[in-house]
């Protein structure tokens, strides 16, 4: 395809998240032509018409349904895979063997072996493969990024009310993997050690999990995820030399607290009566500067799909390449293994 042209794309899966992707693709007509979709559920046509009516979307804009995977693959330049995780590997492999560009929702695959096989296939060709770690495109995280410099400690809480729809995926792969990816991306160092604990409350696998990731550079990330909480929360706090950054991913806000040394009281410098100061006996006096960077509203999924387009046609690096999606999965699997180990230890 020509550089800068419209990319013909096929959508796999039109469940809850798939419908959001469908709408985003339709809203990017200068970048994507949504040729059609494939979903094995026979009720999807009527389901999509009802959804379109509820969203005020002209039903004529809805893409055609392709009954066969192969027919849709042969009609497009790229695929957007929002099918269940168990189907990611098979669909992506079929697409890569045709040289198609692939956007894959997280987690990238169900197993590490599947992910490694996809990575080998991608390296044999020139296709772009991007993984849908959407929190990287969250405007609150983007506002915080300019203020981050070698964080040494990360504390993340991702809590969600109970929803039976998500029980087919362990909480670590469904929720915590978002914060695993943010920690890996922000710290930029290999993980040296993983410890974790989890508790099953309403399902057969842990519904609440806590993990401690220790990095080779000495940084630490403490991550908590729950899918049985009364109120939702998606907060990440990052601590680094001279600064603390708090990111509310749910409410789209960011706060930056910076510390600077100032002359001690009584050394001739006047203090701001409204300023915040830390006076440590035997140490320098410090002033706190609290800033709330502007958070520009955006459509995070739309932005990540636009980034996918730019990687295909604009020659820019992929924002979340397959290697990084696979690394997040690798650490998530380490967390799940650590939870299993700790559970066996308690049981014995």
Protein backbone atom coordinates (compact mmCIF):
# COMPACT_ATOMS: atom_id res chain seq x y z
CA UNK A 1 0.00 0.00 0.00
CA UNK A 2 1.10 3.57 -0.64
CA UNK A 3 2.58 5.66 2.15
CA UNK A 4 -0.05 7.96 3.60
CA UNK A 5 -2.97 6.08 2.02
CA UNK A 6 -6.12 4.84 3.71
CA UNK A 7 -5.59 1.44 5.33
CA UNK A 8 -8.18 -1.24 4.68
CA UNK A 9 -8.76 -2.89 8.05
CA UNK A 10 -10.82 -5.78 9.36
CA UNK A 11 -12.18 -6.03 12.90
CA UNK A 12 -12.22 -9.35 14.76
CA UNK A 13 -14.62 -9.38 17.69
CA UNK A 14 -17.52 -6.98 18.33
CA UNK A 15 -18.19 -7.56 22.01
CA UNK A 16 -18.19 -4.67 24.50
CA UNK A 17 -14.66 -3.49 23.67
CA UNK A 18 -14.93 -4.45 20.02
CA UNK A 19 -17.87 -2.06 19.57
CA UNK A 20 -15.72 0.77 20.97
CA UNK A 21 -13.00 -0.08 18.46
CA UNK A 22 -15.59 -0.22 15.69
CA UNK A 23 -16.81 3.30 16.50
CA UNK A 24 -13.24 4.63 16.72
CA UNK A 25 -12.33 3.14 13.33
CA UNK A 26 -15.42 4.69 11.75
CA UNK A 27 -14.38 8.04 13.23
CA UNK A 28 -10.98 7.84 11.50
CA UNK A 29 -12.02 7.75 7.81
CA UNK A 30 -8.88 9.50 6.59
CA UNK A 31 -6.78 6.72 8.11
CA UNK A 32 -8.86 3.53 8.01
CA UNK A 33 -11.53 2.01 5.81
CA UNK A 34 -13.32 -0.58 7.94
CA UNK A 35 -14.00 -3.27 5.35
CA UNK A 36 -15.85 -5.62 7.64
CA UNK A 37 -15.88 -7.61 10.84
CA UNK A 38 -15.83 -11.23 11.89
CA UNK A 39 -17.46 -12.58 15.03
CA UNK A 40 -18.58 -16.20 15.30
CA UNK A 41 -21.64 -15.30 17.36
CA UNK A 42 -24.70 -15.44 15.03
CA UNK A 43 -26.55 -12.69 16.90
CA UNK A 44 -23.98 -9.98 16.18
CA UNK A 45 -25.79 -8.38 13.22
CA UNK A 46 -28.93 -7.59 15.21
CA UNK A 47 -26.83 -6.72 18.27
CA UNK A 48 -24.86 -4.16 16.26
CA UNK A 49 -28.00 -2.61 14.78
CA UNK A 50 -29.48 -2.15 18.26
CA UNK A 51 -26.19 -0.70 19.52
CA UNK A 52 -25.98 1.69 16.56
CA UNK A 53 -29.50 2.95 17.23
CA UNK A 54 -28.67 3.55 20.90
CA UNK A 55 -25.52 5.48 19.93
CA UNK A 56 -27.24 7.53 17.25
CA UNK A 57 -25.08 5.92 14.59
CA UNK A 58 -26.46 5.46 11.07
CA UNK A 59 -26.85 1.73 10.55
CA UNK A 60 -25.70 2.22 6.94
CA UNK A 61 -22.22 2.97 8.28
CA UNK A 62 -21.91 -0.42 9.96
CA UNK A 63 -19.40 -2.72 8.27
CA UNK A 64 -20.38 -5.98 6.63
CA UNK A 65 -20.17 -9.24 8.56
CA UNK A 66 -17.72 -11.81 7.14
CA UNK A 67 -18.66 -15.35 8.06
CA UNK A 68 -15.19 -16.74 7.29
CA UNK A 69 -11.93 -15.51 8.81
CA UNK A 70 -10.06 -16.19 5.57
CA UNK A 71 -12.42 -14.05 3.50
CA UNK A 72 -11.90 -11.01 5.72
CA UNK A 73 -8.12 -11.51 5.84
CA UNK A 74 -7.95 -11.59 2.06
CA UNK A 75 -9.82 -8.27 1.79
CA UNK A 76 -7.69 -6.06 4.06
CA UNK A 77 -4.23 -4.60 4.70
CA UNK A 78 -4.47 -4.74 8.49
CA UNK A 79 -6.49 -6.32 11.30
CA UNK A 80 -7.78 -5.09 14.65
CA UNK A 81 -8.07 -8.12 16.96
CA UNK A 82 -10.49 -7.58 19.85
CA UNK A 83 -11.61 -11.21 20.06
CA UNK A 84 -11.26 -13.28 23.27
CA UNK A 85 -7.62 -13.73 24.33
CA UNK A 86 -7.73 -17.44 23.49
CA UNK A 87 -8.20 -16.51 19.82
CA UNK A 88 -5.44 -13.87 19.57
CA UNK A 89 -2.61 -16.19 18.59
CA UNK A 90 -4.46 -18.04 15.82
CA UNK A 91 -5.90 -14.88 14.26
CA UNK A 92 -2.61 -12.97 14.44
CA UNK A 93 -0.61 -15.87 13.02
CA UNK A 94 -3.00 -16.17 10.07
CA UNK A 95 -2.74 -12.41 9.48
CA UNK A 96 1.06 -12.31 9.73
CA UNK A 97 1.42 -15.17 7.27
CA UNK A 98 -0.42 -12.92 4.78
CA UNK A 99 1.84 -9.96 5.60
CA UNK A 100 -0.96 -8.01 7.30
CA UNK A 101 -0.36 -5.39 10.00
CA UNK A 102 -1.89 -6.33 13.35
CA UNK A 103 -3.34 -4.44 16.29
CA UNK A 104 -3.93 -6.88 19.18
CA UNK A 105 -5.79 -6.05 22.37
CA UNK A 106 -4.06 -6.91 25.63
CA UNK A 107 -3.11 -9.40 26.88
CA UNK A 108 -1.31 -10.11 23.63
CA UNK A 109 -1.76 -13.90 23.82
CA UNK A 110 -2.94 -16.52 26.28
CA UNK A 111 0.50 -18.09 26.69
CA UNK A 112 4.11 -17.00 26.41
CA UNK A 113 4.79 -19.73 23.85
CA UNK A 114 2.11 -18.27 21.56
CA UNK A 115 3.58 -14.78 21.94
CA UNK A 116 7.11 -15.96 21.18
CA UNK A 117 5.87 -17.71 18.03
CA UNK A 118 4.17 -14.50 16.85
CA UNK A 119 7.36 -12.53 17.52
CA UNK A 120 9.36 -14.94 15.37
CA UNK A 121 6.79 -14.65 12.57
CA UNK A 122 6.81 -10.86 12.73
CA UNK A 123 10.60 -10.73 12.51
CA UNK A 124 10.46 -12.78 9.32
CA UNK A 125 8.42 -10.05 7.62
CA UNK A 126 7.81 -6.31 7.77
CA UNK A 127 4.37 -6.12 9.36
CA UNK A 128 3.67 -3.70 12.20
CA UNK A 129 2.28 -5.36 15.33
CA UNK A 130 0.95 -3.13 18.11
CA UNK A 131 -0.48 -4.27 21.44
CA UNK A 132 -3.42 -2.44 23.00
CA UNK A 133 -2.00 -1.20 26.29
CA UNK A 134 -4.33 1.77 26.26
CA UNK A 135 -3.24 3.39 29.54
CA UNK A 136 -0.10 4.65 27.80
CA UNK A 137 -2.47 6.89 25.83
CA UNK A 138 -4.46 8.00 28.90
CA UNK A 139 -4.23 11.82 28.93
CA UNK A 140 -3.42 11.87 32.66
CA UNK A 141 -0.43 9.57 32.13
CA UNK A 142 0.68 11.60 29.11
CA UNK A 143 0.52 14.78 31.21
CA UNK A 144 2.65 13.10 33.88
CA UNK A 145 5.25 11.72 31.45
CA UNK A 146 7.06 15.05 31.04
CA UNK A 147 7.66 15.15 34.80
CA UNK A 148 8.99 11.61 35.22
CA UNK A 149 12.71 10.99 35.62
CA UNK A 150 13.91 7.59 36.83
CA UNK A 151 11.14 6.74 39.33
CA UNK A 152 12.39 4.58 42.19
CA UNK A 153 9.06 3.49 43.69
CA UNK A 154 5.66 3.01 42.07
CA UNK A 155 2.41 2.34 43.93
CA UNK A 156 -0.63 1.43 41.81
CA UNK A 157 -4.21 0.59 42.75
CA UNK A 158 -6.62 -0.63 40.08
CA UNK A 159 -9.97 -1.53 41.63
CA UNK A 160 -13.18 -2.41 39.81
CA UNK A 161 -16.70 -3.44 40.88
CA UNK A 162 -17.69 -7.02 40.21
CA UNK A 163 -18.64 -7.76 36.59
CA UNK A 164 -19.32 -11.37 35.52
CA UNK A 165 -18.21 -10.46 31.97
CA UNK A 166 -14.56 -10.40 33.05
CA UNK A 167 -14.38 -13.70 34.90
CA UNK A 168 -13.02 -15.63 31.91
CA UNK A 169 -9.65 -13.86 32.39
CA UNK A 170 -7.61 -13.88 35.65
CA UNK A 171 -7.51 -10.51 37.41
CA UNK A 172 -3.77 -10.23 36.78
CA UNK A 173 -4.27 -10.50 33.01
CA UNK A 174 -7.44 -8.43 32.97
CA UNK A 175 -6.54 -5.53 35.28
CA UNK A 176 -3.06 -5.65 36.78
CA UNK A 177 -1.35 -6.08 33.42
CA UNK A 178 -2.14 -2.42 32.65
CA UNK A 179 -0.01 -1.28 35.59
CA UNK A 180 2.65 -3.90 34.90
CA UNK A 181 3.04 -2.35 31.45
CA UNK A 182 3.17 1.20 32.85
CA UNK A 183 5.81 0.17 35.40
CA UNK A 184 7.96 -1.58 32.77
CA UNK A 185 7.61 1.34 30.38
CA UNK A 186 8.35 4.00 33.01
CA UNK A 187 11.23 2.31 34.83
CA UNK A 188 12.87 0.84 31.74
CA UNK A 189 14.83 -1.86 33.56
CA UNK A 190 14.49 -5.66 33.63
CA UNK A 191 12.55 -7.22 36.48
CA UNK A 192 14.86 -9.05 38.87
CA UNK A 193 12.38 -10.50 41.37
CA UNK A 194 8.63 -10.97 41.69
CA UNK A 195 6.60 -11.76 44.81
CA UNK A 196 2.80 -11.83 44.90
CA UNK A 197 -0.28 -12.91 46.80
CA UNK A 198 -3.90 -13.28 45.75
CA UNK A 199 -7.30 -14.25 47.10
CA UNK A 200 -10.25 -15.82 45.30
CA UNK A 201 -13.51 -14.25 46.50
CA UNK A 202 -16.22 -15.02 43.95
CA UNK A 203 -14.43 -17.03 41.25
CA UNK A 204 -12.07 -19.99 41.03
CA UNK A 205 -9.01 -17.76 40.48
CA UNK A 206 -7.78 -14.79 42.55
CA UNK A 207 -10.09 -11.78 42.36
CA UNK A 208 -7.73 -9.61 44.42
CA UNK A 209 -3.99 -9.63 43.85
CA UNK A 210 -0.95 -7.75 45.07
CA UNK A 211 2.48 -7.95 43.48
CA UNK A 212 5.88 -6.51 44.29
CA UNK A 213 8.22 -6.12 41.33
CA UNK A 214 11.89 -5.49 42.05
CA UNK A 215 13.92 -4.16 39.12
CA UNK A 216 17.60 -4.63 38.37
CA UNK A 217 18.13 -0.85 38.68
CA UNK A 218 16.89 -0.98 42.29
CA UNK A 219 13.42 0.44 41.64
CA UNK A 220 10.32 -1.23 43.11
CA UNK A 221 6.69 -1.34 41.95
CA UNK A 222 3.90 -2.36 44.33
CA UNK A 223 0.75 -3.19 42.35
CA UNK A 224 -2.75 -4.02 43.61
CA UNK A 225 -5.69 -5.12 41.47
CA UNK A 226 -9.22 -6.08 42.50
CA UNK A 227 -12.39 -6.90 40.59
CA UNK A 228 -14.63 -7.15 43.68
CA UNK A 229 -14.40 -3.60 45.02
CA UNK A 230 -17.36 -1.37 45.81
CA UNK A 231 -15.91 1.69 44.08
CA UNK A 232 -13.65 1.94 41.01
CA UNK A 233 -10.13 3.32 41.30
CA UNK A 234 -7.21 3.60 38.88
CA UNK A 235 -4.40 5.50 40.56
CA UNK A 236 -0.64 5.36 40.08
CA UNK A 237 1.81 7.18 42.35
CA UNK A 238 5.43 7.53 41.29
CA UNK A 239 8.26 8.62 43.59
CA UNK A 240 11.62 9.84 42.33
CA UNK A 241 14.50 11.98 43.54
CA UNK A 242 13.06 15.37 44.47
CA UNK A 243 9.54 14.73 43.21
CA UNK A 244 6.30 12.79 43.65
CA UNK A 245 3.83 12.35 40.79
CA UNK A 246 0.24 11.22 41.37
CA UNK A 247 -1.82 10.10 38.37
CA UNK A 248 -5.57 9.46 38.54
CA UNK A 249 -6.19 7.46 35.38
CA UNK A 250 -9.92 7.15 36.05
CA UNK A 251 -10.71 10.82 36.71
CA UNK A 252 -8.01 12.09 34.32
CA UNK A 253 -5.98 14.27 36.65
CA UNK A 254 -2.29 14.61 37.50
CA UNK A 255 -0.49 16.24 40.42
CA UNK A 256 3.24 16.87 40.65
CA UNK A 257 4.93 17.68 43.96
CA UNK A 258 8.53 18.90 43.64
CA UNK A 259 10.98 19.59 46.45
CA UNK A 260 13.72 22.21 46.29
CA UNK A 261 16.34 23.23 48.86
CA UNK A 262 15.94 26.75 50.27
CA UNK A 263 17.90 28.81 52.83
CA UNK A 264 17.04 27.86 56.38
CA UNK A 265 14.75 30.15 58.34
CA UNK A 266 16.80 32.90 59.96
CA UNK A 267 19.47 32.99 57.21
CA UNK A 268 18.15 36.15 55.64
CA UNK A 269 15.71 34.73 53.10
CA UNK A 270 12.04 35.59 53.45
CA UNK A 271 9.57 32.76 53.28
CA UNK A 272 6.30 32.81 51.45
CA UNK A 273 3.69 32.80 54.22
CA UNK A 274 1.49 30.64 52.00
CA UNK A 275 4.28 28.27 51.00
CA UNK A 276 4.76 24.69 52.19
CA UNK A 277 8.12 23.95 53.81
CA UNK A 278 9.87 20.93 55.28
CA UNK A 279 12.33 21.66 58.07
CA UNK A 280 14.41 18.63 58.97
CA UNK A 281 16.71 19.03 62.00
CA UNK A 282 20.32 18.89 60.85
CA UNK A 283 19.37 19.03 57.17
CA UNK A 284 18.50 21.67 54.59
CA UNK A 285 15.12 23.37 54.55
CA UNK A 286 12.97 22.44 51.60
CA UNK A 287 9.98 23.93 49.89
CA UNK A 288 7.19 21.97 48.21
CA UNK A 289 5.92 23.09 44.83
CA UNK A 290 2.56 21.57 43.91
CA UNK A 291 1.55 21.68 40.25
CA UNK A 292 -1.43 20.30 38.36
CA UNK A 293 -0.34 19.91 34.72
CA UNK A 294 -3.01 20.42 32.09
CA UNK A 295 -4.66 17.17 31.09
CA UNK A 296 -5.96 17.46 27.55
CA UNK A 297 -9.09 15.33 26.92
CA UNK A 298 -8.69 12.65 24.29
CA UNK A 299 -10.07 9.36 23.04
CA UNK A 300 -7.32 7.00 24.20
CA UNK A 301 -8.43 4.09 22.00
CA UNK A 302 -8.76 6.39 19.02
CA UNK A 303 -5.28 7.74 19.70
CA UNK A 304 -3.71 4.30 19.92
CA UNK A 305 -5.36 3.30 16.64
CA UNK A 306 -4.06 6.52 15.07
CA UNK A 307 -0.62 5.61 16.38
CA UNK A 308 -1.00 2.20 14.73
CA UNK A 309 -1.79 3.96 11.46
CA UNK A 310 1.26 6.22 11.80
CA UNK A 311 3.49 3.21 12.37
CA UNK A 312 2.10 1.60 9.21
CA UNK A 313 2.11 4.61 6.91
CA UNK A 314 4.18 7.33 8.52
CA UNK A 315 7.39 5.49 9.22
CA UNK A 316 7.27 6.32 12.94
CA UNK A 317 8.14 3.75 15.63
CA UNK A 318 5.28 1.66 16.98
CA UNK A 319 4.26 3.06 20.38
CA UNK A 320 3.60 -0.36 21.98
CA UNK A 321 5.46 -2.97 19.90
CA UNK A 322 4.90 -6.71 20.18
CA UNK A 323 8.10 -7.14 22.21
CA UNK A 324 6.75 -4.85 24.95
CA UNK A 325 3.33 -6.48 24.99
CA UNK A 326 5.07 -9.84 25.35
CA UNK A 327 7.25 -8.52 28.18
CA UNK A 328 4.14 -7.35 30.08
CA UNK A 329 2.61 -10.80 29.60
CA UNK A 330 5.84 -12.46 30.78
CA UNK A 331 5.84 -10.47 34.03
CA UNK A 332 2.10 -11.04 34.49
CA UNK A 333 2.70 -14.78 34.21
CA UNK A 334 5.49 -14.48 36.79
CA UNK A 335 3.03 -12.74 39.11
CA UNK A 336 0.47 -15.51 38.61
CA UNK A 337 3.11 -18.17 39.31
CA UNK A 338 4.15 -16.32 42.49
CA UNK A 339 0.51 -16.18 43.63
CA UNK A 340 0.16 -19.92 43.02
CA UNK A 341 3.37 -20.58 44.95
CA UNK A 342 2.29 -18.45 47.90
CA UNK A 343 -1.13 -20.13 47.96
CA UNK A 344 0.45 -23.59 48.07
CA UNK A 345 2.77 -22.46 50.86
CA UNK A 346 -0.16 -21.20 52.94
CA UNK A 347 -2.17 -24.38 52.29
CA UNK A 348 0.69 -26.59 53.43
